[in-house]
Structures are given as structure tokens and as C-alpha cells.
């Protein structure tokens, strides 16, 4: 499946606060565990606003990373995780 995180994240006031892919790229780049090459490649692609091809196990791993990211608030996590839930 294609994961395209090139969408805006909005604050409570409805104003753009970040681009989902850029935020996720930062989260992926800060990981210290996992498949370093895969996570780096995903981070680079998301940062460049490119989509990433993932299988079901990759998608589960991405959801786990985002869910467990302590430096990301629910304001950002929620729309990203909701989007990822739409992918089959």
C-alpha cells in the first residue's frame, strides 16, 4: 500500500502547525532501535513529501512508532493514526 503523509496538521484554532510527513520523518530519524536502513529511507521519503510503499507489517510498525513517540502530542498523533487506519 502507498502511505502518503503529505497533509497539513492543524492546531486547535484550525491553523496549520506542521506537515504530517515532515513530523513523522523527524520521529523516524530519532529512533534508536529497529531497522535503521528502512526507517532512514522512510524518513527521507516522508520529508521530501514522497509516498512510501509498505506492507501490512510495515504499517503496523509505523503505527507503533507514532503511538509510542513521547515527543509528539495527541494533536499530531490523532490525525496521522486516523489516516493510517484508512489504509488497507
PDB file of N, CA and C in Angstrom:
ATOM      1  N   UNK A   1       0.825  -1.177   0.000  1.00  0.00           N
ATOM      2  CA  UNK A   1       0.000   0.000   0.000  1.00  0.00           C
ATOM      3  C   UNK A   1       0.875   1.248   0.000  1.00  0.00           C
ATOM      4  N   UNK A   2       0.321   2.325  -0.481  1.00  0.00           N
ATOM      5  CA  UNK A   2       1.047   3.593  -0.533  1.00  0.00           C
ATOM      6  C   UNK A   2       0.673   4.447   0.670  1.00  0.00           C
ATOM      7  N   UNK A   3       1.667   4.878   1.411  1.00  0.00           N
ATOM      8  CA  UNK A   3       1.455   5.762   2.557  1.00  0.00           C
ATOM      9  C   UNK A   3       1.918   7.155   2.149  1.00  0.00           C
ATOM     10  N   UNK A   4       0.974   8.081   2.108  1.00  0.00           N
ATOM     11  CA  UNK A   4       1.260   9.453   1.689  1.00  0.00           C
ATOM     12  C   UNK A   4       0.908  10.389   2.844  1.00  0.00           C
ATOM     13  N   UNK A   5       1.917  10.891   3.525  1.00  0.00           N
ATOM     14  CA  UNK A   5       1.709  11.760   4.678  1.00  0.00           C
ATOM     15  C   UNK A   5       1.863  13.239   4.323  1.00  0.00           C
ATOM     16  N   UNK A   6       1.645  13.561   3.080  1.00  0.00           N
ATOM     17  CA  UNK A   6       1.766  14.941   2.628  1.00  0.00           C
ATOM     18  C   UNK A   6       0.442  15.682   2.879  1.00  0.00           C
ATOM     19  N   UNK A   7       0.129  15.874   4.168  1.00  0.00           N
ATOM     20  CA  UNK A   7      -1.053  16.652   4.524  1.00  0.00           C
ATOM     21  C   UNK A   7      -0.733  17.493   5.757  1.00  0.00           C
ATOM     22  N   UNK A   8      -1.488  18.574   5.887  1.00  0.00           N
ATOM     23  CA  UNK A   8      -1.245  19.515   6.985  1.00  0.00           C
ATOM     24  C   UNK A   8      -1.829  18.999   8.292  1.00  0.00           C
ATOM     25  N   UNK A   9      -1.121  19.275   9.366  1.00  0.00           N
ATOM     26  CA  UNK A   9      -1.630  19.053  10.718  1.00  0.00           C
ATOM     27  C   UNK A   9      -2.091  20.403  11.234  1.00  0.00           C
ATOM     28  N   UNK A  10      -3.274  20.434  11.827  1.00  0.00           N
ATOM     29  CA  UNK A  10      -3.871  21.692  12.261  1.00  0.00           C
ATOM     30  C   UNK A  10      -3.890  21.799  13.770  1.00  0.00           C
ATOM     31  N   UNK A  11      -3.734  23.014  14.246  1.00  0.00           N
ATOM     32  CA  UNK A  11      -3.846  23.285  15.672  1.00  0.00           C
ATOM     33  C   UNK A  11      -5.301  23.383  16.078  1.00  0.00           C
ATOM     34  N   UNK A  12      -5.547  23.593  17.347  1.00  0.00           N
ATOM     35  CA  UNK A  12      -6.912  23.713  17.838  1.00  0.00           C
ATOM     36  C   UNK A  12      -7.654  24.889  17.208  1.00  0.00           C
ATOM     37  N   UNK A  13      -6.900  25.888  16.765  1.00  0.00           N
ATOM     38  CA  UNK A  13      -7.510  27.050  16.125  1.00  0.00           C
ATOM     39  C   UNK A  13      -7.739  26.857  14.629  1.00  0.00           C
ATOM     40  N   UNK A  14      -7.366  25.677  14.109  1.00  0.00           N
ATOM     41  CA  UNK A  14      -7.564  25.389  12.689  1.00  0.00           C
ATOM     42  C   UNK A  14      -6.434  25.837  11.793  1.00  0.00           C
ATOM     43  N   UNK A  15      -5.401  26.435  12.356  1.00  0.00           N
ATOM     44  CA  UNK A  15      -4.259  26.883  11.566  1.00  0.00           C
ATOM     45  C   UNK A  15      -3.229  25.767  11.436  1.00  0.00           C
ATOM     46  N   UNK A  16      -2.550  25.756  10.302  1.00  0.00           N
ATOM     47  CA  UNK A  16      -1.518  24.759  10.037  1.00  0.00           C
ATOM     48  C   UNK A  16      -0.375  24.893  11.049  1.00  0.00           C
ATOM     49  N   UNK A  17       0.018  23.760  11.625  1.00  0.00           N
ATOM     50  CA  UNK A  17       1.145  23.768  12.549  1.00  0.00           C
ATOM     51  C   UNK A  17       2.320  22.948  12.023  1.00  0.00           C
ATOM     52  N   UNK A  18       2.056  22.009  11.113  1.00  0.00           N
ATOM     53  CA  UNK A  18       3.126  21.169  10.565  1.00  0.00           C
ATOM     54  C   UNK A  18       2.585  20.377   9.388  1.00  0.00           C
ATOM     55  N   UNK A  19       3.493  19.746   8.667  1.00  0.00           N
ATOM     56  CA  UNK A  19       3.129  18.780   7.634  1.00  0.00           C
ATOM     57  C   UNK A  19       3.370  17.405   8.240  1.00  0.00           C
ATOM     58  N   UNK A  20       2.393  16.527   8.136  1.00  0.00           N
ATOM     59  CA  UNK A  20       2.472  15.214   8.782  1.00  0.00           C
ATOM     60  C   UNK A  20       3.747  14.462   8.407  1.00  0.00           C
ATOM     61  N   UNK A  21       4.091  14.436   7.143  1.00  0.00           N
ATOM     62  CA  UNK A  21       5.270  13.701   6.695  1.00  0.00           C
ATOM     63  C   UNK A  21       6.561  14.224   7.282  1.00  0.00           C
ATOM     64  N   UNK A  22       6.676  15.536   7.410  1.00  0.00           N
ATOM     65  CA  UNK A  22       7.883  16.118   7.991  1.00  0.00           C
ATOM     66  C   UNK A  22       7.982  15.781   9.473  1.00  0.00           C
ATOM     67  N   UNK A  23       6.847  15.820  10.165  1.00  0.00           N
ATOM     68  CA  UNK A  23       6.853  15.472  11.581  1.00  0.00           C
ATOM     69  C   UNK A  23       7.226  13.999  11.773  1.00  0.00           C
ATOM     70  N   UNK A  24       6.609  13.117  10.979  1.00  0.00           N
ATOM     71  CA  UNK A  24       6.905  11.685  11.078  1.00  0.00           C
ATOM     72  C   UNK A  24       8.354  11.416  10.695  1.00  0.00           C
ATOM     73  N   UNK A  25       8.873  12.134   9.728  1.00  0.00           N
ATOM     74  CA  UNK A  25      10.280  11.965   9.341  1.00  0.00           C
ATOM     75  C   UNK A  25      11.190  12.236  10.532  1.00  0.00           C
ATOM     76  N   UNK A  26      10.887  13.281  11.288  1.00  0.00           N
ATOM     77  CA  UNK A  26      11.673  13.584  12.474  1.00  0.00           C
ATOM     78  C   UNK A  26      11.578  12.496  13.527  1.00  0.00           C
ATOM     79  N   UNK A  27      10.377  11.959  13.712  1.00  0.00           N
ATOM     80  CA  UNK A  27      10.189  10.864  14.671  1.00  0.00           C
ATOM     81  C   UNK A  27      10.989   9.638  14.237  1.00  0.00           C
ATOM     82  N   UNK A  28      10.904   9.297  12.964  1.00  0.00           N
ATOM     83  CA  UNK A  28      11.627   8.123  12.458  1.00  0.00           C
ATOM     84  C   UNK A  28      13.139   8.317  12.563  1.00  0.00           C
ATOM     85  N   UNK A  29      13.599   9.504  12.247  1.00  0.00           N
ATOM     86  CA  UNK A  29      15.040   9.780  12.288  1.00  0.00           C
ATOM     87  C   UNK A  29      15.597   9.730  13.702  1.00  0.00           C
ATOM     88  N   UNK A  30      14.748   9.911  14.704  1.00  0.00           N
ATOM     89  CA  UNK A  30      15.213   9.901  16.087  1.00  0.00           C
ATOM     90  C   UNK A  30      15.156   8.520  16.741  1.00  0.00           C
ATOM     91  N   UNK A  31      14.723   7.513  16.000  1.00  0.00           N
ATOM     92  CA  UNK A  31      14.639   6.159  16.555  1.00  0.00           C
ATOM     93  C   UNK A  31      16.032   5.590  16.790  1.00  0.00           C
ATOM     94  N   UNK A  32      16.180   4.864  17.885  1.00  0.00           N
ATOM     95  CA  UNK A  32      17.474   4.228  18.172  1.00  0.00           C
ATOM     96  C   UNK A  32      17.396   2.714  18.056  1.00  0.00           C
ATOM     97  N   UNK A  33      16.197   2.190  17.807  1.00  0.00           N
ATOM     98  CA  UNK A  33      16.003   0.750  17.657  1.00  0.00           C
ATOM     99  C   UNK A  33      15.232   0.489  16.377  1.00  0.00           C
ATOM    100  N   UNK A  34      15.353  -0.719  15.872  1.00  0.00           N
ATOM    101  CA  UNK A  34      14.628  -1.091  14.667  1.00  0.00           C
ATOM    102  C   UNK A  34      15.554  -1.177  13.472  1.00  0.00           C
ATOM    103  N   UNK A  35      14.955  -1.369  12.319  1.00  0.00           N
ATOM    104  CA  UNK A  35      15.689  -1.495  11.067  1.00  0.00           C
ATOM    105  C   UNK A  35      16.153  -0.104  10.625  1.00  0.00           C
ATOM    106  N   UNK A  36      17.381   0.238  10.958  1.00  0.00           N
ATOM    107  CA  UNK A  36      17.898   1.593  10.726  1.00  0.00           C
ATOM    108  C   UNK A  36      17.804   2.012   9.264  1.00  0.00           C
ATOM    109  N   UNK A  37      18.112   1.117   8.360  1.00  0.00           N
ATOM    110  CA  UNK A  37      18.094   1.471   6.935  1.00  0.00           C
ATOM    111  C   UNK A  37      16.675   1.766   6.484  1.00  0.00           C
ATOM    112  N   UNK A  38      15.734   0.908   6.859  1.00  0.00           N
ATOM    113  CA  UNK A  38      14.342   1.109   6.458  1.00  0.00           C
ATOM    114  C   UNK A  38      13.781   2.394   7.064  1.00  0.00           C
ATOM    115  N   UNK A  39      14.021   2.597   8.339  1.00  0.00           N
ATOM    116  CA  UNK A  39      13.495   3.791   8.994  1.00  0.00           C
ATOM    117  C   UNK A  39      14.094   5.065   8.410  1.00  0.00           C
ATOM    118  N   UNK A  40      15.383   5.029   8.096  1.00  0.00           N
ATOM    119  CA  UNK A  40      16.034   6.184   7.476  1.00  0.00           C
ATOM    120  C   UNK A  40      15.436   6.457   6.097  1.00  0.00           C
ATOM    121  N   UNK A  41      15.258   5.396   5.301  1.00  0.00           N
ATOM    122  CA  UNK A  41      14.676   5.572   3.961  1.00  0.00           C
ATOM    123  C   UNK A  41      13.267   6.141   4.039  1.00  0.00           C
ATOM    124  N   UNK A  42      12.467   5.637   4.971  1.00  0.00           N
ATOM    125  CA  UNK A  42      11.117   6.179   5.156  1.00  0.00           C
ATOM    126  C   UNK A  42      11.190   7.645   5.548  1.00  0.00           C
ATOM    127  N   UNK A  43      12.064   7.966   6.497  1.00  0.00           N
ATOM    128  CA  UNK A  43      12.193   9.348   6.957  1.00  0.00           C
ATOM    129  C   UNK A  43      12.551  10.280   5.805  1.00  0.00           C
ATOM    130  N   UNK A  44      13.509   9.876   5.000  1.00  0.00           N
ATOM    131  CA  UNK A  44      13.920  10.718   3.867  1.00  0.00           C
ATOM    132  C   UNK A  44      12.768  10.908   2.883  1.00  0.00           C
ATOM    133  N   UNK A  45      12.047   9.843   2.584  1.00  0.00           N
ATOM    134  CA  UNK A  45      10.928   9.931   1.638  1.00  0.00           C
ATOM    135  C   UNK A  45       9.814  10.819   2.176  1.00  0.00           C
ATOM    136  N   UNK A  46       9.411  10.602   3.428  1.00  0.00           N
ATOM    137  CA  UNK A  46       8.342  11.419   4.001  1.00  0.00           C
ATOM    138  C   UNK A  46       8.749  12.883   4.066  1.00  0.00           C
ATOM    139  N   UNK A  47      10.009  13.153   4.411  1.00  0.00           N
ATOM    140  CA  UNK A  47      10.472  14.533   4.495  1.00  0.00           C
ATOM    141  C   UNK A  47      10.415  15.223   3.126  1.00  0.00           C
ATOM    142  N   UNK A  48      10.678  14.463   2.071  1.00  0.00           N
ATOM    143  CA  UNK A  48      10.643  15.005   0.710  1.00  0.00           C
ATOM    144  C   UNK A  48       9.231  15.011   0.133  1.00  0.00           C
ATOM    145  N   UNK A  49       8.230  14.677   0.985  1.00  0.00           N
ATOM    146  CA  UNK A  49       6.821  14.658   0.583  1.00  0.00           C
ATOM    147  C   UNK A  49       6.531  13.585  -0.456  1.00  0.00           C
ATOM    148  N   UNK A  50       7.258  12.488  -0.375  1.00  0.00           N
ATOM    149  CA  UNK A  50       7.037  11.341  -1.255  1.00  0.00           C
ATOM    150  C   UNK A  50       6.230  10.290  -0.503  1.00  0.00           C
ATOM    151  N   UNK A  51       5.498   9.477  -1.248  1.00  0.00           N
ATOM    152  CA  UNK A  51       4.777   8.377  -0.613  1.00  0.00           C
ATOM    153  C   UNK A  51       5.733   7.193  -0.447  1.00  0.00           C
ATOM    154  N   UNK A  52       5.384   6.307   0.482  1.00  0.00           N
ATOM    155  CA  UNK A  52       6.209   5.144   0.791  1.00  0.00           C
ATOM    156  C   UNK A  52       5.353   3.892   0.624  1.00  0.00           C
ATOM    157  N   UNK A  53       5.888   2.905  -0.072  1.00  0.00           N
ATOM    158  CA  UNK A  53       5.193   1.629  -0.223  1.00  0.00           C
ATOM    159  C   UNK A  53       5.482   0.769   0.997  1.00  0.00           C
ATOM    160  N   UNK A  54       4.418   0.298   1.635  1.00  0.00           N
ATOM    161  CA  UNK A  54       4.556  -0.532   2.830  1.00  0.00           C
ATOM    162  C   UNK A  54       3.648  -1.745   2.732  1.00  0.00           C
ATOM    163  N   UNK A  55       4.072  -2.819   3.380  1.00  0.00           N
ATOM    164  CA  UNK A  55       3.183  -3.956   3.530  1.00  0.00           C
ATOM    165  C   UNK A  55       2.502  -3.835   4.896  1.00  0.00           C
ATOM    166  N   UNK A  56       1.648  -4.786   5.223  1.00  0.00           N
ATOM    167  CA  UNK A  56       0.870  -4.715   6.461  1.00  0.00           C
ATOM    168  C   UNK A  56       1.761  -4.662   7.702  1.00  0.00           C
ATOM    169  N   UNK A  57       2.857  -5.422   7.713  1.00  0.00           N
ATOM    170  CA  UNK A  57       3.734  -5.428   8.892  1.00  0.00           C
ATOM    171  C   UNK A  57       4.475  -4.101   9.032  1.00  0.00           C
ATOM    172  N   UNK A  58       4.849  -3.482   7.913  1.00  0.00           N
ATOM    173  CA  UNK A  58       5.476  -2.155   7.956  1.00  0.00           C
ATOM    174  C   UNK A  58       4.503  -1.127   8.529  1.00  0.00           C
ATOM    175  N   UNK A  59       3.254  -1.206   8.095  1.00  0.00           N
ATOM    176  CA  UNK A  59       2.245  -0.257   8.560  1.00  0.00           C
ATOM    177  C   UNK A  59       2.019  -0.400  10.065  1.00  0.00           C
ATOM    178  N   UNK A  60       1.996  -1.616  10.553  1.00  0.00           N
ATOM    179  CA  UNK A  60       1.852  -1.857  11.996  1.00  0.00           C
ATOM    180  C   UNK A  60       3.028  -1.239  12.741  1.00  0.00           C
ATOM    181  N   UNK A  61       4.229  -1.427  12.228  1.00  0.00           N
ATOM    182  CA  UNK A  61       5.422  -0.871  12.871  1.00  0.00           C
ATOM    183  C   UNK A  61       5.368   0.656  12.895  1.00  0.00           C
ATOM    184  N   UNK A  62       4.964   1.273  11.788  1.00  0.00           N
ATOM    185  CA  UNK A  62       4.863   2.733  11.736  1.00  0.00           C
ATOM    186  C   UNK A  62       3.845   3.239  12.753  1.00  0.00           C
ATOM    187  N   UNK A  63       2.700   2.570  12.841  1.00  0.00           N
ATOM    188  CA  UNK A  63       1.687   2.958  13.826  1.00  0.00           C
ATOM    189  C   UNK A  63       2.241   2.868  15.245  1.00  0.00           C
ATOM    190  N   UNK A  64       2.986   1.818  15.534  1.00  0.00           N
ATOM    191  CA  UNK A  64       3.575   1.645  16.864  1.00  0.00           C
ATOM    192  C   UNK A  64       4.556   2.771  17.183  1.00  0.00           C
ATOM    193  N   UNK A  65       5.393   3.099  16.216  1.00  0.00           N
ATOM    194  CA  UNK A  65       6.384   4.156  16.420  1.00  0.00           C
ATOM    195  C   UNK A  65       5.684   5.483  16.714  1.00  0.00           C
ATOM    196  N   UNK A  66       4.661   5.799  15.923  1.00  0.00           N
ATOM    197  CA  UNK A  66       3.951   7.058  16.121  1.00  0.00           C
ATOM    198  C   UNK A  66       3.203   7.045  17.458  1.00  0.00           C
ATOM    199  N   UNK A  67       2.532   5.949  17.754  1.00  0.00           N
ATOM    200  CA  UNK A  67       1.784   5.853  19.013  1.00  0.00           C
ATOM    201  C   UNK A  67       2.680   6.003  20.225  1.00  0.00           C
ATOM    202  N   UNK A  68       3.890   5.483  20.142  1.00  0.00           N
ATOM    203  CA  UNK A  68       4.808   5.489  21.282  1.00  0.00           C
ATOM    204  C   UNK A  68       5.744   6.700  21.323  1.00  0.00           C
ATOM    205  N   UNK A  69       5.653   7.581  20.349  1.00  0.00           N
ATOM    206  CA  UNK A  69       6.537   8.757  20.306  1.00  0.00           C
ATOM    207  C   UNK A  69       6.174   9.704  21.441  1.00  0.00           C
ATOM    208  N   UNK A  70       7.061   9.806  22.411  1.00  0.00           N
ATOM    209  CA  UNK A  70       6.779  10.617  23.592  1.00  0.00           C
ATOM    210  C   UNK A  70       6.850  12.119  23.325  1.00  0.00           C
ATOM    211  N   UNK A  71       7.530  12.522  22.278  1.00  0.00           N
ATOM    212  CA  UNK A  71       7.684  13.943  21.991  1.00  0.00           C
ATOM    213  C   UNK A  71       6.643  14.460  20.988  1.00  0.00           C
ATOM    214  N   UNK A  72       5.620  13.653  20.715  1.00  0.00           N
ATOM    215  CA  UNK A  72       4.561  14.055  19.791  1.00  0.00           C
ATOM    216  C   UNK A  72       3.240  14.063  20.557  1.00  0.00           C
ATOM    217  N   UNK A  73       2.513  15.158  20.453  1.00  0.00           N
ATOM    218  CA  UNK A  73       1.248  15.287  21.177  1.00  0.00           C
ATOM    219  C   UNK A  73       0.112  14.575  20.438  1.00  0.00           C
ATOM    220  N   UNK A  74      -0.982  14.375  21.151  1.00  0.00           N
ATOM    221  CA  UNK A  74      -2.153  13.744  20.536  1.00  0.00           C
ATOM    222  C   UNK A  74      -2.722  14.613  19.421  1.00  0.00           C
ATOM    223  N   UNK A  75      -2.458  15.905  19.467  1.00  0.00           N
ATOM    224  CA  UNK A  75      -2.929  16.800  18.420  1.00  0.00           C
ATOM    225  C   UNK A  75      -2.348  16.406  17.062  1.00  0.00           C
ATOM    226  N   UNK A  76      -1.132  15.886  17.058  1.00  0.00           N
ATOM    227  CA  UNK A  76      -0.492  15.426  15.824  1.00  0.00           C
ATOM    228  C   UNK A  76      -0.718  13.927  15.615  1.00  0.00           C
ATOM    229  N   UNK A  77      -0.631  13.152  16.687  1.00  0.00           N
ATOM    230  CA  UNK A  77      -0.778  11.703  16.553  1.00  0.00           C
ATOM    231  C   UNK A  77      -2.136  11.311  15.989  1.00  0.00           C
ATOM    232  N   UNK A  78      -3.180  11.935  16.500  1.00  0.00           N
ATOM    233  CA  UNK A  78      -4.538  11.532  16.130  1.00  0.00           C
ATOM    234  C   UNK A  78      -4.805  11.583  14.623  1.00  0.00           C
ATOM    235  N   UNK A  79      -4.571  12.701  13.941  1.00  0.00           N
ATOM    236  CA  UNK A  79      -4.866  12.708  12.501  1.00  0.00           C
ATOM    237  C   UNK A  79      -3.972  11.756  11.708  1.00  0.00           C
ATOM    238  N   UNK A  80      -2.745  11.577  12.148  1.00  0.00           N
ATOM    239  CA  UNK A  80      -1.840  10.666  11.432  1.00  0.00           C
ATOM    240  C   UNK A  80      -2.330   9.225  11.606  1.00  0.00           C
ATOM    241  N   UNK A  81      -2.630   8.844  12.839  1.00  0.00           N
ATOM    242  CA  UNK A  81      -3.098   7.477  13.091  1.00  0.00           C
ATOM    243  C   UNK A  81      -4.455   7.225  12.443  1.00  0.00           C
ATOM    244  N   UNK A  82      -5.332   8.220  12.437  1.00  0.00           N
ATOM    245  CA  UNK A  82      -6.622   8.063  11.760  1.00  0.00           C
ATOM    246  C   UNK A  82      -6.408   7.825  10.269  1.00  0.00           C
ATOM    247  N   UNK A  83      -5.497   8.568   9.668  1.00  0.00           N
ATOM    248  CA  UNK A  83      -5.192   8.360   8.244  1.00  0.00           C
ATOM    249  C   UNK A  83      -4.659   6.949   8.014  1.00  0.00           C
ATOM    250  N   UNK A  84      -3.713   6.516   8.843  1.00  0.00           N
ATOM    251  CA  UNK A  84      -3.121   5.200   8.659  1.00  0.00           C
ATOM    252  C   UNK A  84      -4.164   4.084   8.820  1.00  0.00           C
ATOM    253  N   UNK A  85      -5.166   4.311   9.652  1.00  0.00           N
ATOM    254  CA  UNK A  85      -6.239   3.330   9.830  1.00  0.00           C
ATOM    255  C   UNK A  85      -7.081   3.171   8.559  1.00  0.00           C
ATOM    256  N   UNK A  86      -7.094   4.179   7.690  1.00  0.00           N
ATOM    257  CA  UNK A  86      -7.889   4.087   6.460  1.00  0.00           C
ATOM    258  C   UNK A  86      -7.207   3.215   5.410  1.00  0.00           C
ATOM    259  N   UNK A  87      -5.933   2.928   5.586  1.00  0.00           N
ATOM    260  CA  UNK A  87      -5.194   2.157   4.591  1.00  0.00           C
ATOM    261  C   UNK A  87      -5.435   0.670   4.807  1.00  0.00           C
ATOM    262  N   UNK A  88      -5.675  -0.030   3.759  1.00  0.00           N
ATOM    263  CA  UNK A  88      -5.901  -1.485   3.833  1.00  0.00           C
ATOM    264  C   UNK A  88      -4.980  -2.190   2.877  1.00  0.00           C
TER     265      UNK A  88
END
